[in-house]
Structures are given as C-alpha cells and as structure tokens.
C-alpha cells in the first residue's frame, strides 16, 4: 500500500494516472471532430469511457479548454461536451488530449456500452 504522500508524487509523475479513473477505458479507433472557438478540428479517439476519452490530434489547446466532441457512429451524430484535462506533446507537436466529459448524453453512454459489450 502506498502512503498518501508517495501516491501524490507518483500521480504527479503520471505513473498512476489511470488509477484515478472511475470507469475502465476501452481502446478504440474512432474518427472524431471537435469544435473550439468556432473552428473544427479532426482527431482519432484512442480510448474512451463513460466519463472521458483520449483524442489523438495535432491540435494543441490549453488544459481547461471546453470543447464539443462530435462522433458519427454510423447512424447518427453524437455530440458530447468536454473539458481538456491533459495534453500530451512530443517534439513540439501535440500528440493528443485527454478530456473529461461534462454530462454525457444517453446516446454517448449507449455507444460506450455497445463498445464495452463487444470488447
């Protein structure tokens, strides 16, 4: 068992980031678009859960930015509101963003459930 202070240090290093999640993330490859400040950007969802997702994208936006993420599931367009919690950068380019979902819709939650049951 980790002591509280050690746990906080490890979290800051990002080593146990996934242990803070309430829901299991599922690896996926789903095209997505996201809107910020009247602009649309492309990305690929790498993993998702009921409360968050990681989007691979070259678009770098600051932590705390609010977005609308749009996912086309084949039959309908699903929109979810999100806030950027984490940005991954390498070689001066953005590799992706980790987002927390704000009040995900029933359509989105249904999509996640469908993906998890086929996983």
C-alpha atoms as a PDB file:
ATOM      1  CA  UNK A   1       0.000   0.000   0.000  1.00  0.00           C
ATOM      2  CA  UNK A   2       1.335   3.432  -0.929  1.00  0.00           C
ATOM      3  CA  UNK A   3       1.495   6.200   1.604  1.00  0.00           C
ATOM      4  CA  UNK A   4      -0.570   9.247   0.717  1.00  0.00           C
ATOM      5  CA  UNK A   5       2.453  11.491   0.059  1.00  0.00           C
ATOM      6  CA  UNK A   6       4.120   8.889  -2.161  1.00  0.00           C
ATOM      7  CA  UNK A   7       0.869   8.360  -4.034  1.00  0.00           C
ATOM      8  CA  UNK A   8       0.593  12.090  -4.757  1.00  0.00           C
ATOM      9  CA  UNK A   9       4.170  12.179  -6.062  1.00  0.00           C
ATOM     10  CA  UNK A  10       3.610   9.197  -8.313  1.00  0.00           C
ATOM     11  CA  UNK A  11       0.396  10.755  -9.622  1.00  0.00           C
ATOM     12  CA  UNK A  12       2.293  13.927 -10.445  1.00  0.00           C
ATOM     13  CA  UNK A  13       4.752  11.837 -12.457  1.00  0.00           C
ATOM     14  CA  UNK A  14       1.797  10.383 -14.370  1.00  0.00           C
ATOM     15  CA  UNK A  15       2.635   6.806 -13.459  1.00  0.00           C
ATOM     16  CA  UNK A  16      -0.666   6.006 -11.776  1.00  0.00           C
ATOM     17  CA  UNK A  17      -2.885   8.387 -13.730  1.00  0.00           C
ATOM     18  CA  UNK A  18      -5.202   5.577 -14.837  1.00  0.00           C
ATOM     19  CA  UNK A  19      -5.864   4.518 -11.241  1.00  0.00           C
ATOM     20  CA  UNK A  20      -7.768   7.763 -10.606  1.00  0.00           C
ATOM     21  CA  UNK A  21     -10.419   6.870 -13.188  1.00  0.00           C
ATOM     22  CA  UNK A  22     -13.866   5.762 -12.088  1.00  0.00           C
ATOM     23  CA  UNK A  23     -14.584   3.834 -15.295  1.00  0.00           C
ATOM     24  CA  UNK A  24     -12.459   1.478 -17.361  1.00  0.00           C
ATOM     25  CA  UNK A  25     -11.155   2.983 -20.598  1.00  0.00           C
ATOM     26  CA  UNK A  26     -11.566   0.869 -23.725  1.00  0.00           C
ATOM     27  CA  UNK A  27      -9.096   1.129 -26.623  1.00  0.00           C
ATOM     28  CA  UNK A  28     -10.795   2.196 -29.877  1.00  0.00           C
ATOM     29  CA  UNK A  29     -10.024   3.869 -33.204  1.00  0.00           C
ATOM     30  CA  UNK A  30     -12.946   6.194 -33.858  1.00  0.00           C
ATOM     31  CA  UNK A  31     -12.809   9.293 -36.046  1.00  0.00           C
ATOM     32  CA  UNK A  32     -13.944  12.399 -34.229  1.00  0.00           C
ATOM     33  CA  UNK A  33     -14.263  16.101 -34.803  1.00  0.00           C
ATOM     34  CA  UNK A  34     -14.149  18.692 -32.091  1.00  0.00           C
ATOM     35  CA  UNK A  35     -15.170  22.314 -32.047  1.00  0.00           C
ATOM     36  CA  UNK A  36     -13.472  25.144 -30.221  1.00  0.00           C
ATOM     37  CA  UNK A  37     -13.862  28.884 -30.775  1.00  0.00           C
ATOM     38  CA  UNK A  38     -15.931  28.485 -33.976  1.00  0.00           C
ATOM     39  CA  UNK A  39     -13.269  26.203 -35.530  1.00  0.00           C
ATOM     40  CA  UNK A  40     -13.490  22.469 -36.229  1.00  0.00           C
ATOM     41  CA  UNK A  41     -10.570  20.076 -35.776  1.00  0.00           C
ATOM     42  CA  UNK A  42     -10.019  16.407 -36.605  1.00  0.00           C
ATOM     43  CA  UNK A  43      -8.849  13.670 -34.302  1.00  0.00           C
ATOM     44  CA  UNK A  44      -8.941   9.950 -33.604  1.00  0.00           C
ATOM     45  CA  UNK A  45     -10.348   8.694 -30.311  1.00  0.00           C
ATOM     46  CA  UNK A  46      -7.768   6.248 -28.915  1.00  0.00           C
ATOM     47  CA  UNK A  47      -9.704   5.206 -25.812  1.00  0.00           C
ATOM     48  CA  UNK A  48     -12.940   6.097 -24.102  1.00  0.00           C
ATOM     49  CA  UNK A  49     -15.110   5.515 -21.069  1.00  0.00           C
ATOM     50  CA  UNK A  50     -18.374   6.833 -19.686  1.00  0.00           C
ATOM     51  CA  UNK A  51     -16.619   9.908 -18.297  1.00  0.00           C
ATOM     52  CA  UNK A  52     -13.674  10.639 -20.584  1.00  0.00           C
ATOM     53  CA  UNK A  53     -11.601   9.905 -23.654  1.00  0.00           C
ATOM     54  CA  UNK A  54      -8.190  10.436 -25.192  1.00  0.00           C
ATOM     55  CA  UNK A  55      -8.157  12.018 -28.659  1.00  0.00           C
ATOM     56  CA  UNK A  56      -5.075  11.776 -30.861  1.00  0.00           C
ATOM     57  CA  UNK A  57      -4.743  15.121 -32.628  1.00  0.00           C
ATOM     58  CA  UNK A  58      -2.099  17.565 -33.777  1.00  0.00           C
ATOM     59  CA  UNK A  59      -4.169  20.466 -32.464  1.00  0.00           C
ATOM     60  CA  UNK A  60      -2.734  21.803 -29.225  1.00  0.00           C
ATOM     61  CA  UNK A  61      -5.168  23.508 -26.869  1.00  0.00           C
ATOM     62  CA  UNK A  62      -4.658  24.518 -23.231  1.00  0.00           C
ATOM     63  CA  UNK A  63      -5.794  22.487 -20.239  1.00  0.00           C
ATOM     64  CA  UNK A  64      -9.198  23.707 -19.072  1.00  0.00           C
ATOM     65  CA  UNK A  65     -10.443  24.409 -22.608  1.00  0.00           C
ATOM     66  CA  UNK A  66     -14.094  23.470 -23.198  1.00  0.00           C
ATOM     67  CA  UNK A  67     -14.900  21.606 -26.428  1.00  0.00           C
ATOM     68  CA  UNK A  68     -17.747  19.918 -28.220  1.00  0.00           C
ATOM     69  CA  UNK A  69     -16.671  16.464 -29.441  1.00  0.00           C
ATOM     70  CA  UNK A  70     -18.639  15.006 -32.356  1.00  0.00           C
ATOM     71  CA  UNK A  71     -18.686  11.278 -33.094  1.00  0.00           C
ATOM     72  CA  UNK A  72     -20.518   9.723 -36.033  1.00  0.00           C
ATOM     73  CA  UNK A  73     -21.494   6.186 -35.022  1.00  0.00           C
ATOM     74  CA  UNK A  74     -22.752   5.192 -38.458  1.00  0.00           C
ATOM     75  CA  UNK A  75     -26.379   6.122 -37.946  1.00  0.00           C
ATOM     76  CA  UNK A  76     -26.283   9.400 -36.049  1.00  0.00           C
ATOM     77  CA  UNK A  77     -24.043  12.218 -34.902  1.00  0.00           C
ATOM     78  CA  UNK A  78     -23.325  12.130 -31.172  1.00  0.00           C
ATOM     79  CA  UNK A  79     -22.184  15.352 -29.500  1.00  0.00           C
ATOM     80  CA  UNK A  80     -20.573  15.481 -26.076  1.00  0.00           C
ATOM     81  CA  UNK A  81     -19.299  18.453 -24.121  1.00  0.00           C
ATOM     82  CA  UNK A  82     -15.796  18.028 -22.724  1.00  0.00           C
ATOM     83  CA  UNK A  83     -13.032  19.817 -20.851  1.00  0.00           C
ATOM     84  CA  UNK A  84      -9.346  19.217 -21.578  1.00  0.00           C
ATOM     85  CA  UNK A  85      -7.644  17.676 -18.541  1.00  0.00           C
ATOM     86  CA  UNK A  86      -4.330  16.597 -20.071  1.00  0.00           C
ATOM     87  CA  UNK A  87      -2.215  17.449 -23.116  1.00  0.00           C
ATOM     88  CA  UNK A  88       0.484  15.132 -24.460  1.00  0.00           C
ATOM     89  CA  UNK A  89       3.204  16.765 -26.521  1.00  0.00           C
ATOM     90  CA  UNK A  90       6.384  15.461 -28.104  1.00  0.00           C
ATOM     91  CA  UNK A  91       8.816  17.108 -30.481  1.00  0.00           C
ATOM     92  CA  UNK A  92       6.914  20.419 -30.244  1.00  0.00           C
ATOM     93  CA  UNK A  93       3.756  18.828 -31.663  1.00  0.00           C
ATOM     94  CA  UNK A  94       0.594  17.835 -29.853  1.00  0.00           C
ATOM     95  CA  UNK A  95       0.039  14.095 -29.771  1.00  0.00           C
ATOM     96  CA  UNK A  96      -3.336  14.307 -28.160  1.00  0.00           C
ATOM     97  CA  UNK A  97      -5.657  15.485 -25.443  1.00  0.00           C
ATOM     98  CA  UNK A  98      -7.283  13.739 -22.513  1.00  0.00           C
ATOM     99  CA  UNK A  99     -10.755  15.093 -21.878  1.00  0.00           C
ATOM    100  CA  UNK A 100     -13.321  14.811 -19.101  1.00  0.00           C
ATOM    101  CA  UNK A 101     -16.897  14.642 -20.346  1.00  0.00           C
ATOM    102  CA  UNK A 102     -19.479  17.052 -18.983  1.00  0.00           C
ATOM    103  CA  UNK A 103     -22.930  15.446 -18.641  1.00  0.00           C
ATOM    104  CA  UNK A 104     -22.527  12.838 -21.413  1.00  0.00           C
ATOM    105  CA  UNK A 105     -25.721  12.150 -23.358  1.00  0.00           C
ATOM    106  CA  UNK A 106     -27.661   8.883 -23.287  1.00  0.00           C
ATOM    107  CA  UNK A 107     -26.632   8.342 -26.922  1.00  0.00           C
ATOM    108  CA  UNK A 108     -22.952   8.570 -25.984  1.00  0.00           C
ATOM    109  CA  UNK A 109     -23.371   6.298 -22.951  1.00  0.00           C
ATOM    110  CA  UNK A 110     -25.171   3.786 -25.168  1.00  0.00           C
ATOM    111  CA  UNK A 111     -22.283   3.860 -27.645  1.00  0.00           C
ATOM    112  CA  UNK A 112     -19.778   3.182 -24.851  1.00  0.00           C
ATOM    113  CA  UNK A 113     -21.903   0.323 -23.522  1.00  0.00           C
ATOM    114  CA  UNK A 114     -22.132  -1.222 -27.006  1.00  0.00           C
ATOM    115  CA  UNK A 115     -18.351  -0.991 -27.420  1.00  0.00           C
ATOM    116  CA  UNK A 116     -17.690  -2.486 -23.983  1.00  0.00           C
ATOM    117  CA  UNK A 117     -20.045  -5.432 -24.546  1.00  0.00           C
ATOM    118  CA  UNK A 118     -18.279  -6.318 -27.806  1.00  0.00           C
ATOM    119  CA  UNK A 119     -14.813  -5.859 -26.245  1.00  0.00           C
END
